[in-house]
Protein backbone atom coordinates (compact mmCIF):
# COMPACT_ATOMS: atom_id res chain seq x y z
CA MET A 1 0.00 0.00 0.00
CA TYR A 2 2.85 2.38 0.83
CA PRO A 3 5.81 0.92 -1.10
CA SER A 4 7.82 4.12 -1.01
CA GLN A 5 7.06 4.85 2.66
CA ILE A 6 7.98 1.59 4.37
CA GLU A 7 9.94 3.31 7.14
CA PHE A 8 6.97 5.56 7.93
CA VAL A 9 4.55 2.63 8.21
CA LEU A 10 6.96 0.55 10.31
CA GLY A 11 7.60 3.54 12.56
CA CYS A 12 3.86 3.91 13.10
CA LEU A 13 3.45 0.22 13.85
CA GLU A 14 6.25 0.29 16.38
CA ALA A 15 4.79 3.46 17.91
CA ALA A 16 1.55 1.48 18.36
CA ALA A 17 3.60 -1.13 20.20
CA GLY A 18 4.97 1.66 22.40
CA ILE A 19 1.42 2.77 23.19
CA GLY A 20 0.60 -0.75 24.32
CA MET A 21 3.77 -0.74 26.39
CA CYS A 22 2.64 2.49 28.08
CA PHE A 23 -0.87 1.48 28.99
CA GLY A 24 -0.31 -2.14 30.05
CA PRO A 25 1.32 -1.28 33.38
CA ILE A 26 -0.79 1.83 34.01
CA ILE A 27 -4.02 -0.14 33.65
CA ALA A 28 -2.76 -3.12 35.67
CA ILE A 29 -1.57 -1.18 38.75
CA PRO A 30 -5.01 -0.41 40.27
CA PHE A 31 -6.15 -3.99 39.71
CA TYR A 32 -2.97 -5.35 41.28
CA GLN A 33 -3.36 -3.06 44.31
CA LEU A 34 -7.01 -4.03 44.78
CA GLY A 35 -6.97 -7.75 44.10
CA GLY A 36 -3.42 -9.07 44.01
CA TYR A 37 -2.09 -11.11 41.13
CA ALA A 38 -5.41 -12.57 39.94
CA ALA A 39 -7.19 -9.26 39.36
CA PRO A 40 -5.01 -7.95 36.49
CA PHE A 41 -5.13 -11.31 34.73
CA SER A 42 -8.93 -11.41 35.00
CA ALA A 43 -9.29 -7.79 33.92
CA PHE A 44 -7.00 -8.32 30.94
CA GLY A 45 -8.98 -11.39 29.91
CA ILE A 46 -12.18 -9.34 29.90
CA VAL A 47 -10.54 -6.45 28.02
CA PHE A 48 -9.10 -8.85 25.46
CA PHE A 49 -12.49 -10.54 24.99
CA ILE A 50 -14.17 -7.16 24.35
CA TYR A 51 -11.31 -6.10 22.09
CA CYS A 52 -11.87 -9.13 19.86
CA PHE A 53 -15.30 -7.77 18.98
CA MET A 54 -13.99 -4.23 18.50
CA VAL A 55 -11.24 -5.29 16.09
CA LYS A 56 -13.46 -7.50 13.91
CA PRO A 57 -14.62 -4.67 11.61
CA SER A 58 -11.01 -3.70 10.86
CA VAL A 59 -9.91 -7.19 9.80
CA PRO A 60 -9.83 -7.57 6.00
CA SER A 61 -12.00 -10.42 4.74
CA GLU A 62 -9.15 -11.70 2.55
CA VAL A 63 -5.41 -11.35 2.79
CA ASP A 64 -5.16 -10.01 -0.76
CA GLU A 65 -8.30 -7.89 -0.59
CA ILE A 66 -8.01 -4.89 -2.91
CA GLU A 67 -9.44 -1.75 -1.44
CA GLU A 68 -11.58 0.51 -3.55
CA THR A 69 -10.17 3.72 -2.14
CA VAL A 70 -7.23 5.19 -3.98
CA ILE A 71 -4.72 6.85 -1.70
CA ASP A 72 -2.01 9.14 -2.98
CA THR A 73 1.02 7.71 -1.19
CA SER A 74 3.33 10.47 -2.32
CA ARG A 75 1.94 12.75 0.42
CA TYR A 76 1.47 10.44 3.34
CA THR A 77 -0.04 11.45 6.66
CA TYR A 78 -1.22 9.58 9.72
CA THR A 79 -4.81 10.37 8.82
CA LYS A 80 -4.52 8.92 5.32
CA MET A 81 -2.69 5.89 6.61
CA PHE A 82 -5.45 5.03 9.06
CA THR A 83 -8.05 4.89 6.28
CA ASN A 84 -6.48 1.56 5.29
CA LYS A 85 -8.10 -1.38 7.11
CA ARG A 86 -4.91 -3.44 7.06
CA ILE A 87 -2.88 -0.74 8.76
CA VAL A 88 -5.59 -0.10 11.36
CA PHE A 89 -5.72 -3.82 12.09
CA ALA A 90 -1.94 -4.09 12.37
CA ASN A 91 -1.80 -1.14 14.77
CA LEU A 92 -4.60 -2.49 16.95
CA ALA A 93 -3.00 -5.93 16.99
CA LEU A 94 0.34 -4.47 18.07
CA VAL A 95 -1.20 -2.38 20.84
CA VAL A 96 -2.90 -5.42 22.35
CA ASN A 97 0.08 -7.69 21.73
CA ILE A 98 2.49 -5.47 23.62
CA PHE A 99 -0.18 -4.67 26.23
CA GLN A 100 -0.44 -8.36 27.07
CA TYR A 101 3.31 -8.60 27.62
CA THR A 102 3.64 -5.48 29.73
CA PHE A 103 0.54 -5.56 31.91
CA ILE A 104 2.42 -7.88 34.27
CA ASP A 105 5.21 -5.33 34.77
CA PRO A 106 3.61 -3.92 37.96
CA PHE A 107 4.16 -7.31 39.58
CA LEU A 108 7.80 -6.36 39.55
CA ALA A 109 6.86 -3.55 41.92
CA THR A 110 7.30 -5.83 44.93
CA ARG A 111 10.81 -6.61 43.77
CA MET A 112 11.50 -2.92 43.14
CA LEU A 113 10.17 -2.09 46.61
CA ASN A 114 12.46 -4.65 48.24
CA ASP A 115 15.56 -3.82 46.19
CA PHE A 116 15.24 -0.07 45.58
CA GLY A 117 12.54 1.18 47.97
CA LEU A 118 10.14 2.05 45.12
CA GLY A 119 6.39 1.36 45.30
CA GLU A 120 3.83 0.20 42.74
CA LYS A 121 2.97 3.68 41.48
CA THR A 122 6.60 4.61 40.92
CA ALA A 123 7.16 1.33 39.08
CA GLY A 124 4.16 2.07 36.86
CA VAL A 125 5.47 5.52 36.03
CA LEU A 126 8.87 4.04 35.18
CA PHE A 127 7.31 1.49 32.83
CA PHE A 128 5.06 4.17 31.30
CA THR A 129 8.14 6.30 30.65
CA LEU A 130 9.78 3.33 28.96
CA GLY A 131 6.79 2.98 26.61
CA VAL A 132 6.70 6.69 25.79
CA GLY A 133 10.42 6.62 25.06
CA TYR A 134 9.98 3.58 22.84
CA ALA A 135 7.13 5.14 20.86
CA GLY A 136 9.12 8.35 20.39
CA ALA A 137 12.28 6.49 19.41
CA CYS A 138 10.36 4.61 16.73
CA GLN A 139 9.49 7.87 15.06
CA GLY A 140 13.08 9.05 15.46
CA VAL A 141 14.43 5.91 13.80
CA TYR A 142 12.00 6.39 10.91
CA ARG A 143 13.29 9.92 10.40
CA THR A 144 16.90 8.74 10.71
CA LEU A 145 16.41 6.08 8.03
CA GLN A 146 15.46 8.81 5.57
CA TYR A 147 19.00 10.20 5.76
CA ILE A 148 21.20 7.21 6.67
CA SER A 149 21.45 3.87 4.86
CA PHE A 150 19.96 0.77 6.48
CA ARG A 151 23.39 -0.85 6.71
CA ARG A 152 24.93 2.08 8.58
CA CYS A 153 21.88 2.44 10.81
CA PHE A 154 21.93 -1.26 11.78
CA PHE A 155 25.67 -1.05 12.42
CA VAL A 156 25.14 1.85 14.85
CA PHE A 157 22.20 0.10 16.54
CA PHE A 158 24.18 -3.12 17.01
CA ILE A 159 27.04 -1.18 18.58
CA LEU A 160 24.62 0.62 20.91
CA ASN A 161 22.93 -2.67 21.76
CA GLY A 162 26.30 -4.22 22.60
CA LEU A 163 27.19 -1.29 24.84
CA CYS A 164 23.92 -1.55 26.72
């Protein structure tokens, strides 16, 4: 759909993952404080069940379904991109996918309390900050790839990853 804007689309998809990373811990903290470990798992199960019905209209009926709308991909925007059902579905899937991995992060709050003296709320804010940073970095990488070759960019990222 956007053959000349692959970096833009991937940046948006990864930003959606960052949004899921932000809200997983924030939503789980009150449930964890009220009902222990079982409450966030139950709440997430209910949210996921409801989400399945919400996402159904955005799922294409066929993998190779051709859309009738013609989108000028030379001038791409977030608004134009979200008129495509496939992209909306991919973004929603990523939000929930990352949400399901990160909603258990507040359980680490007990460990953070014992080791560092931090409580559940502070742990949630730390994890939220991680998600915001991730979503922002995805957009930064997209912009960087417009000016630097993939090979050089991966080389720099591998060096940074090794240093971390």
